N, C-alpha and C. Protein backbone atom coordinates (compact mmCIF):
# COMPACT_ATOMS: atom_id res chain seq x y z
N MET A 1 5.29 4.29 -29.01
CA MET A 1 5.79 3.94 -27.70
C MET A 1 4.79 2.97 -27.02
N PRO A 2 5.26 1.84 -26.51
CA PRO A 2 4.33 0.91 -25.86
C PRO A 2 3.85 1.44 -24.52
N LYS A 3 2.74 0.90 -24.07
CA LYS A 3 2.19 1.31 -22.78
C LYS A 3 3.06 0.77 -21.65
N MET A 4 3.06 1.49 -20.53
CA MET A 4 3.77 1.00 -19.34
C MET A 4 2.93 -0.05 -18.66
N LYS A 5 3.56 -1.13 -18.23
CA LYS A 5 2.84 -2.17 -17.51
C LYS A 5 2.77 -1.82 -16.02
N THR A 6 1.69 -2.22 -15.38
CA THR A 6 1.56 -2.08 -13.93
C THR A 6 2.38 -3.17 -13.27
N LYS A 7 3.13 -2.83 -12.22
CA LYS A 7 3.89 -3.83 -11.49
C LYS A 7 2.93 -4.74 -10.74
N SER A 8 3.06 -6.04 -10.92
CA SER A 8 2.12 -6.98 -10.32
C SER A 8 2.19 -6.96 -8.80
N SER A 9 3.38 -6.73 -8.26
CA SER A 9 3.50 -6.69 -6.80
C SER A 9 2.79 -5.47 -6.23
N ALA A 10 2.81 -4.36 -6.95
CA ALA A 10 2.17 -3.14 -6.48
C ALA A 10 0.65 -3.25 -6.53
N LYS A 11 0.13 -4.02 -7.48
CA LYS A 11 -1.32 -4.24 -7.58
C LYS A 11 -1.86 -4.82 -6.27
N LYS A 12 -1.07 -5.71 -5.68
CA LYS A 12 -1.52 -6.42 -4.49
C LYS A 12 -1.32 -5.59 -3.22
N ARG A 13 -0.42 -4.61 -3.27
CA ARG A 13 -0.06 -3.88 -2.06
C ARG A 13 -0.74 -2.53 -1.91
N PHE A 14 -1.11 -1.90 -3.01
CA PHE A 14 -1.64 -0.54 -2.96
C PHE A 14 -2.98 -0.44 -3.66
N LYS A 15 -3.76 0.57 -3.25
CA LYS A 15 -5.03 0.87 -3.90
C LYS A 15 -5.14 2.38 -4.01
N ILE A 16 -5.60 2.87 -5.16
CA ILE A 16 -5.74 4.30 -5.35
C ILE A 16 -7.21 4.67 -5.15
N THR A 17 -7.46 5.68 -4.30
CA THR A 17 -8.82 6.11 -4.02
C THR A 17 -9.33 7.00 -5.16
N GLY A 18 -10.59 7.37 -5.06
CA GLY A 18 -11.18 8.22 -6.09
C GLY A 18 -10.56 9.59 -6.15
N THR A 19 -10.04 10.08 -5.01
CA THR A 19 -9.42 11.41 -4.98
C THR A 19 -7.93 11.35 -5.30
N GLY A 20 -7.39 10.15 -5.57
CA GLY A 20 -6.00 10.03 -5.98
C GLY A 20 -5.03 9.70 -4.87
N LYS A 21 -5.53 9.45 -3.66
CA LYS A 21 -4.64 9.06 -2.57
C LYS A 21 -4.32 7.57 -2.68
N VAL A 22 -3.19 7.17 -2.10
CA VAL A 22 -2.76 5.77 -2.17
C VAL A 22 -2.94 5.14 -0.80
N LEU A 23 -3.68 4.03 -0.75
CA LEU A 23 -3.89 3.30 0.49
C LEU A 23 -2.97 2.09 0.54
N TYR A 24 -2.54 1.74 1.75
CA TYR A 24 -1.71 0.55 1.92
C TYR A 24 -2.11 -0.13 3.22
N ALA A 25 -1.80 -1.42 3.33
CA ALA A 25 -2.05 -2.17 4.56
C ALA A 25 -0.81 -2.09 5.44
N HIS A 26 -1.02 -2.05 6.74
CA HIS A 26 0.10 -1.98 7.67
C HIS A 26 0.95 -3.25 7.59
N ALA A 27 2.24 -3.10 7.84
CA ALA A 27 3.16 -4.23 7.83
C ALA A 27 3.08 -4.99 9.15
N GLY A 28 3.49 -6.25 9.12
CA GLY A 28 3.59 -7.03 10.35
C GLY A 28 2.32 -7.75 10.74
N LYS A 29 1.43 -8.05 9.78
CA LYS A 29 0.18 -8.72 10.12
C LYS A 29 0.00 -10.04 9.37
N ARG A 30 1.06 -10.58 8.79
CA ARG A 30 0.92 -11.81 8.01
C ARG A 30 1.00 -13.05 8.89
N HIS A 31 1.95 -13.07 9.79
CA HIS A 31 2.12 -14.24 10.65
C HIS A 31 2.86 -13.81 11.90
N GLY A 32 2.95 -14.71 12.88
CA GLY A 32 3.70 -14.43 14.12
C GLY A 32 3.02 -13.44 15.03
N MET A 33 1.67 -13.45 15.05
CA MET A 33 0.94 -12.50 15.89
C MET A 33 1.09 -12.80 17.37
N ILE A 34 1.48 -14.03 17.70
CA ILE A 34 1.57 -14.42 19.11
C ILE A 34 2.67 -13.63 19.82
N LYS A 35 3.70 -13.25 19.07
CA LYS A 35 4.82 -12.54 19.71
C LYS A 35 4.64 -11.02 19.72
N ARG A 36 3.62 -10.52 19.04
CA ARG A 36 3.37 -9.08 19.03
C ARG A 36 2.44 -8.71 20.18
N THR A 37 2.55 -7.47 20.62
CA THR A 37 1.67 -7.03 21.70
C THR A 37 0.29 -6.73 21.14
N ASN A 38 -0.71 -6.72 22.01
CA ASN A 38 -2.07 -6.41 21.58
C ASN A 38 -2.15 -5.00 21.02
N LYS A 39 -1.36 -4.10 21.57
CA LYS A 39 -1.35 -2.72 21.09
C LYS A 39 -0.85 -2.65 19.64
N GLN A 40 0.20 -3.41 19.34
CA GLN A 40 0.71 -3.44 17.97
C GLN A 40 -0.34 -3.96 17.01
N LEU A 41 -1.01 -5.05 17.39
CA LEU A 41 -2.01 -5.64 16.51
C LEU A 41 -3.17 -4.68 16.30
N ARG A 42 -3.57 -4.00 17.35
CA ARG A 42 -4.68 -3.05 17.26
C ARG A 42 -4.32 -1.88 16.34
N ASN A 43 -3.11 -1.37 16.48
CA ASN A 43 -2.69 -0.21 15.70
C ASN A 43 -2.43 -0.54 14.23
N ASN A 44 -2.20 -1.83 13.93
CA ASN A 44 -1.91 -2.23 12.55
C ASN A 44 -3.15 -2.69 11.79
N ARG A 45 -4.32 -2.55 12.38
CA ARG A 45 -5.56 -2.95 11.71
C ARG A 45 -5.88 -2.02 10.55
N GLY A 46 -6.55 -2.57 9.54
CA GLY A 46 -7.07 -1.73 8.47
C GLY A 46 -6.00 -1.20 7.53
N THR A 47 -6.34 -0.10 6.86
CA THR A 47 -5.44 0.50 5.89
C THR A 47 -5.09 1.92 6.32
N ALA A 48 -4.08 2.47 5.70
CA ALA A 48 -3.65 3.84 6.00
C ALA A 48 -3.32 4.54 4.68
N VAL A 49 -3.23 5.85 4.74
CA VAL A 49 -2.91 6.65 3.55
C VAL A 49 -1.41 6.86 3.50
N LEU A 50 -0.83 6.63 2.33
CA LEU A 50 0.60 6.78 2.13
C LEU A 50 0.97 8.27 2.10
N PHE A 51 2.18 8.61 2.55
CA PHE A 51 2.65 9.99 2.50
C PHE A 51 2.73 10.46 1.05
N GLU A 52 2.58 11.77 0.86
CA GLU A 52 2.46 12.33 -0.49
C GLU A 52 3.65 12.01 -1.39
N GLY A 53 4.86 12.13 -0.87
CA GLY A 53 6.04 11.88 -1.69
C GLY A 53 6.13 10.43 -2.12
N ASP A 54 5.85 9.52 -1.19
CA ASP A 54 5.87 8.10 -1.52
C ASP A 54 4.74 7.75 -2.48
N ALA A 55 3.58 8.37 -2.26
CA ALA A 55 2.43 8.10 -3.12
C ALA A 55 2.71 8.53 -4.55
N ALA A 56 3.39 9.64 -4.72
CA ALA A 56 3.72 10.11 -6.06
C ALA A 56 4.61 9.11 -6.79
N ASN A 57 5.58 8.54 -6.08
CA ASN A 57 6.46 7.54 -6.69
C ASN A 57 5.70 6.28 -7.04
N VAL A 58 4.81 5.85 -6.16
CA VAL A 58 4.02 4.64 -6.42
C VAL A 58 3.17 4.84 -7.67
N LYS A 59 2.51 5.98 -7.78
CA LYS A 59 1.63 6.22 -8.92
C LYS A 59 2.43 6.37 -10.22
N LYS A 60 3.61 6.95 -10.12
CA LYS A 60 4.39 7.21 -11.32
C LYS A 60 5.08 5.95 -11.86
N TYR A 61 5.69 5.17 -10.97
CA TYR A 61 6.53 4.05 -11.41
C TYR A 61 5.85 2.69 -11.34
N PHE A 62 4.94 2.50 -10.38
CA PHE A 62 4.39 1.16 -10.16
C PHE A 62 2.95 1.00 -10.63
N LEU A 63 2.16 2.07 -10.53
CA LEU A 63 0.76 2.01 -10.95
C LEU A 63 0.46 3.12 -11.95
N PRO A 64 1.09 3.10 -13.12
CA PRO A 64 0.91 4.19 -14.06
C PRO A 64 -0.52 4.30 -14.61
N ASN A 65 -1.24 3.20 -14.63
CA ASN A 65 -2.60 3.20 -15.17
C ASN A 65 -3.66 3.24 -14.08
N GLY A 66 -3.23 3.36 -12.81
CA GLY A 66 -4.16 3.25 -11.69
C GLY A 66 -4.91 4.48 -11.35
């Protein structure tokens, strides 16, 4: 049986921590910041931990070797 490939799009969007949690960057920070409120920009800074159910799917289907 061949190895499962990692999805290239998931490589760029998610990171797995040493304890197995999945980190992601908040949405809405690529462009168009002028129309967002300062509160939105402040709250979308940095990374966050994905919910357990979603993280399980990401690790199983998109980052099998991660």
